[in-house]
Amino acid sequence: MRKLAAIVALGALLIALIPVPAHAGAAGDVFLALGAFALFNALFVAPALARPVYVAPAPVVYSTAAPVYAQAPPAAVSREVVYPHGRYVLYGDGVTRTYQWIWVPNAPPPGSAPGY
């Protein structure tokens, strides 16, 4: 019984693998037309629509002088902010030494005693 089932299964598998001849009816005409359309576009339309791209070469500049790098003058920075009871003073240049604000209180008026 097993041999018979194996032979039937093998036969069904072999029949399933046999290629079926294709019918070249209306569907075949559509594929032929699409192929002809694609070939026509590739050969005639695409080259007609393509525009050539021109890239100008970089200009050639010759100089015998050494390059001069001008250094901009430093921006004017207000280094003191004055209040009635003291002032802030800005130390440093921001390059070699970091900026730092220091509070400097005003001296007490003459003749007044410190209020501790």
C-alpha atoms as a PDB file:
ATOM      1  CA  MET A   1       0.000   0.000   0.000  1.00  0.00           C
ATOM      2  CA  ARG A   2       2.825   2.367   0.792  1.00  0.00           C
ATOM      3  CA  LYS A   3       4.465   1.610  -2.541  1.00  0.00           C
ATOM      4  CA  LEU A   4       1.257   2.466  -4.386  1.00  0.00           C
ATOM      5  CA  ALA A   5       0.904   5.796  -2.497  1.00  0.00           C
ATOM      6  CA  ALA A   6       4.522   6.657  -3.252  1.00  0.00           C
ATOM      7  CA  ILE A   7       4.089   5.859  -6.982  1.00  0.00           C
ATOM      8  CA  VAL A   8       0.896   7.978  -7.197  1.00  0.00           C
ATOM      9  CA  ALA A   9       2.569  10.899  -5.369  1.00  0.00           C
ATOM     10  CA  LEU A  10       5.602  10.695  -7.650  1.00  0.00           C
ATOM     11  CA  GLY A  11       3.396  10.596 -10.734  1.00  0.00           C
ATOM     12  CA  ALA A  12       1.405  13.639  -9.546  1.00  0.00           C
ATOM     13  CA  LEU A  13       4.645  15.505  -8.919  1.00  0.00           C
ATOM     14  CA  LEU A  14       6.019  14.663 -12.365  1.00  0.00           C
ATOM     15  CA  ILE A  15       2.772  15.746 -14.051  1.00  0.00           C
ATOM     16  CA  ALA A  16       2.848  19.044 -12.106  1.00  0.00           C
ATOM     17  CA  LEU A  17       6.380  19.754 -13.344  1.00  0.00           C
ATOM     18  CA  ILE A  18       5.486  19.402 -17.047  1.00  0.00           C
ATOM     19  CA  PRO A  19       5.403  22.886 -18.608  1.00  0.00           C
ATOM     20  CA  VAL A  20       2.055  23.943 -20.012  1.00  0.00           C
ATOM     21  CA  PRO A  21       2.201  25.533 -23.463  1.00  0.00           C
ATOM     22  CA  ALA A  22       1.376  29.253 -23.312  1.00  0.00           C
ATOM     23  CA  HIS A  23      -1.546  30.690 -25.242  1.00  0.00           C
ATOM     24  CA  ALA A  24      -0.422  33.691 -27.287  1.00  0.00           C
ATOM     25  CA  GLY A  25      -3.839  35.225 -27.750  1.00  0.00           C
ATOM     26  CA  ALA A  26      -4.863  38.735 -26.672  1.00  0.00           C
ATOM     27  CA  ALA A  27      -2.440  38.777 -23.740  1.00  0.00           C
ATOM     28  CA  GLY A  28       0.481  38.017 -26.047  1.00  0.00           C
ATOM     29  CA  ASP A  29      -0.471  40.954 -28.268  1.00  0.00           C
ATOM     30  CA  VAL A  30      -0.507  43.308 -25.264  1.00  0.00           C
ATOM     31  CA  PHE A  31       2.958  42.210 -24.169  1.00  0.00           C
ATOM     32  CA  LEU A  32       4.273  42.602 -27.725  1.00  0.00           C
ATOM     33  CA  ALA A  33       2.846  46.125 -27.908  1.00  0.00           C
ATOM     34  CA  LEU A  34       4.326  47.095 -24.517  1.00  0.00           C
ATOM     35  CA  GLY A  35       7.719  45.753 -25.539  1.00  0.00           C
ATOM     36  CA  ALA A  36       7.640  47.684 -28.818  1.00  0.00           C
ATOM     37  CA  PHE A  37       6.607  50.859 -26.966  1.00  0.00           C
ATOM     38  CA  ALA A  38       9.473  50.488 -24.463  1.00  0.00           C
ATOM     39  CA  LEU A  39      11.988  49.880 -27.252  1.00  0.00           C
ATOM     40  CA  PHE A  40      10.742  52.918 -29.214  1.00  0.00           C
ATOM     41  CA  ASN A  41      11.051  55.135 -26.116  1.00  0.00           C
ATOM     42  CA  ALA A  42      14.538  53.865 -25.345  1.00  0.00           C
ATOM     43  CA  LEU A  43      15.769  54.426 -28.893  1.00  0.00           C
ATOM     44  CA  PHE A  44      14.089  57.678 -29.935  1.00  0.00           C
ATOM     45  CA  VAL A  45      12.276  59.613 -27.197  1.00  0.00           C
ATOM     46  CA  ALA A  46      14.820  59.507 -24.363  1.00  0.00           C
ATOM     47  CA  PRO A  47      17.775  60.762 -26.458  1.00  0.00           C
ATOM     48  CA  ALA A  48      15.606  63.535 -27.940  1.00  0.00           C
ATOM     49  CA  LEU A  49      14.612  64.786 -24.492  1.00  0.00           C
ATOM     50  CA  ALA A  50      18.060  64.551 -22.970  1.00  0.00           C
ATOM     51  CA  ARG A  51      19.940  67.827 -22.721  1.00  0.00           C
ATOM     52  CA  PRO A  52      23.723  67.930 -22.764  1.00  0.00           C
ATOM     53  CA  VAL A  53      25.282  69.213 -19.558  1.00  0.00           C
ATOM     54  CA  TYR A  54      28.196  71.568 -19.919  1.00  0.00           C
ATOM     55  CA  VAL A  55      30.472  72.166 -16.967  1.00  0.00           C
ATOM     56  CA  ALA A  56      32.805  75.128 -17.201  1.00  0.00           C
ATOM     57  CA  PRO A  57      36.329  74.471 -15.956  1.00  0.00           C
ATOM     58  CA  ALA A  58      37.479  76.302 -12.856  1.00  0.00           C
ATOM     59  CA  PRO A  59      39.169  79.624 -13.607  1.00  0.00           C
ATOM     60  CA  VAL A  60      42.929  79.603 -13.455  1.00  0.00           C
ATOM     61  CA  VAL A  61      44.426  82.326 -11.293  1.00  0.00           C
ATOM     62  CA  TYR A  62      48.148  82.841 -11.017  1.00  0.00           C
ATOM     63  CA  SER A  63      49.676  85.022  -8.351  1.00  0.00           C
ATOM     64  CA  THR A  64      53.315  85.639  -7.597  1.00  0.00           C
ATOM     65  CA  ALA A  65      52.701  87.503  -4.344  1.00  0.00           C
ATOM     66  CA  ALA A  66      52.533  85.690  -1.051  1.00  0.00           C
ATOM     67  CA  PRO A  67      49.041  85.504   0.406  1.00  0.00           C
ATOM     68  CA  VAL A  68      48.289  88.215   2.923  1.00  0.00           C
ATOM     69  CA  TYR A  69      46.021  87.356   5.789  1.00  0.00           C
ATOM     70  CA  ALA A  70      44.695  90.486   7.406  1.00  0.00           C
ATOM     71  CA  GLN A  71      43.786  90.182  11.034  1.00  0.00           C
ATOM     72  CA  ALA A  72      40.675  92.037  12.058  1.00  0.00           C
ATOM     73  CA  PRO A  73      41.094  94.415  14.968  1.00  0.00           C
ATOM     74  CA  PRO A  74      39.572  93.176  18.199  1.00  0.00           C
ATOM     75  CA  ALA A  75      36.053  94.328  18.882  1.00  0.00           C
ATOM     76  CA  ALA A  76      35.652  97.079  21.436  1.00  0.00           C
ATOM     77  CA  VAL A  77      34.557  95.468  24.683  1.00  0.00           C
ATOM     78  CA  SER A  78      33.275  97.413  27.626  1.00  0.00           C
ATOM     79  CA  ARG A  79      35.467  96.222  30.468  1.00  0.00           C
ATOM     80  CA  GLU A  80      33.630  97.919  33.346  1.00  0.00           C
ATOM     81  CA  VAL A  81      30.008  97.910  34.443  1.00  0.00           C
ATOM     82  CA  VAL A  82      29.499 100.574  37.112  1.00  0.00           C
ATOM     83  CA  TYR A  83      26.848 100.470  39.878  1.00  0.00           C
ATOM     84  CA  PRO A  84      26.310 102.961  42.736  1.00  0.00           C
ATOM     85  CA  HIS A  85      27.884 100.609  45.310  1.00  0.00           C
ATOM     86  CA  GLY A  86      30.670  99.087  43.155  1.00  0.00           C
ATOM     87  CA  ARG A  87      31.593  97.853  39.696  1.00  0.00           C
ATOM     88  CA  TYR A  88      32.323  94.705  37.717  1.00  0.00           C
ATOM     89  CA  VAL A  89      35.683  94.605  35.909  1.00  0.00           C
ATOM     90  CA  LEU A  90      36.341  92.205  33.033  1.00  0.00           C
ATOM     91  CA  TYR A  91      39.729  90.487  33.035  1.00  0.00           C
ATOM     92  CA  GLY A  92      41.201  88.314  30.305  1.00  0.00           C
ATOM     93  CA  ASP A  93      41.231  88.513  26.514  1.00  0.00           C
ATOM     94  CA  GLY A  94      39.187  85.405  25.677  1.00  0.00           C
ATOM     95  CA  VAL A  95      42.065  83.809  23.766  1.00  0.00           C
ATOM     96  CA  THR A  96      45.088  83.296  25.981  1.00  0.00           C
ATOM     97  CA  ARG A  97      43.187  83.887  29.217  1.00  0.00           C
ATOM     98  CA  THR A  98      39.482  83.296  29.722  1.00  0.00           C
ATOM     99  CA  TYR A  99      37.139  86.159  30.440  1.00  0.00           C
ATOM    100  CA  GLN A 100      36.407  86.668  34.122  1.00  0.00           C
ATOM    101  CA  TRP A 101      34.168  89.262  35.765  1.00  0.00           C
ATOM    102  CA  ILE A 102      35.432  90.485  39.147  1.00  0.00           C
ATOM    103  CA  TRP A 103      33.290  92.487  41.596  1.00  0.00           C
ATOM    104  CA  VAL A 104      35.080  95.528  43.049  1.00  0.00           C
ATOM    105  CA  PRO A 105      33.103  97.301  45.793  1.00  0.00           C
ATOM    106  CA  ASN A 106      33.346 101.074  46.224  1.00  0.00           C
ATOM    107  CA  ALA A 107      35.361 102.388  49.141  1.00  0.00           C
ATOM    108  CA  PRO A 108      33.175 103.551  52.035  1.00  0.00           C
ATOM    109  CA  PRO A 109      32.651 107.317  52.206  1.00  0.00           C
ATOM    110  CA  PRO A 110      35.136 109.087  54.520  1.00  0.00           C
ATOM    111  CA  GLY A 111      34.081 109.403  58.165  1.00  0.00           C
ATOM    112  CA  SER A 112      31.640 106.511  58.167  1.00  0.00           C
ATOM    113  CA  ALA A 113      32.148 103.523  60.400  1.00  0.00           C
ATOM    114  CA  PRO A 114      31.924 100.037  58.978  1.00  0.00           C
ATOM    115  CA  GLY A 115      28.522  98.526  59.735  1.00  0.00           C
ATOM    116  CA  TYR A 116      29.339  95.139  61.224  1.00  0.00           C
END
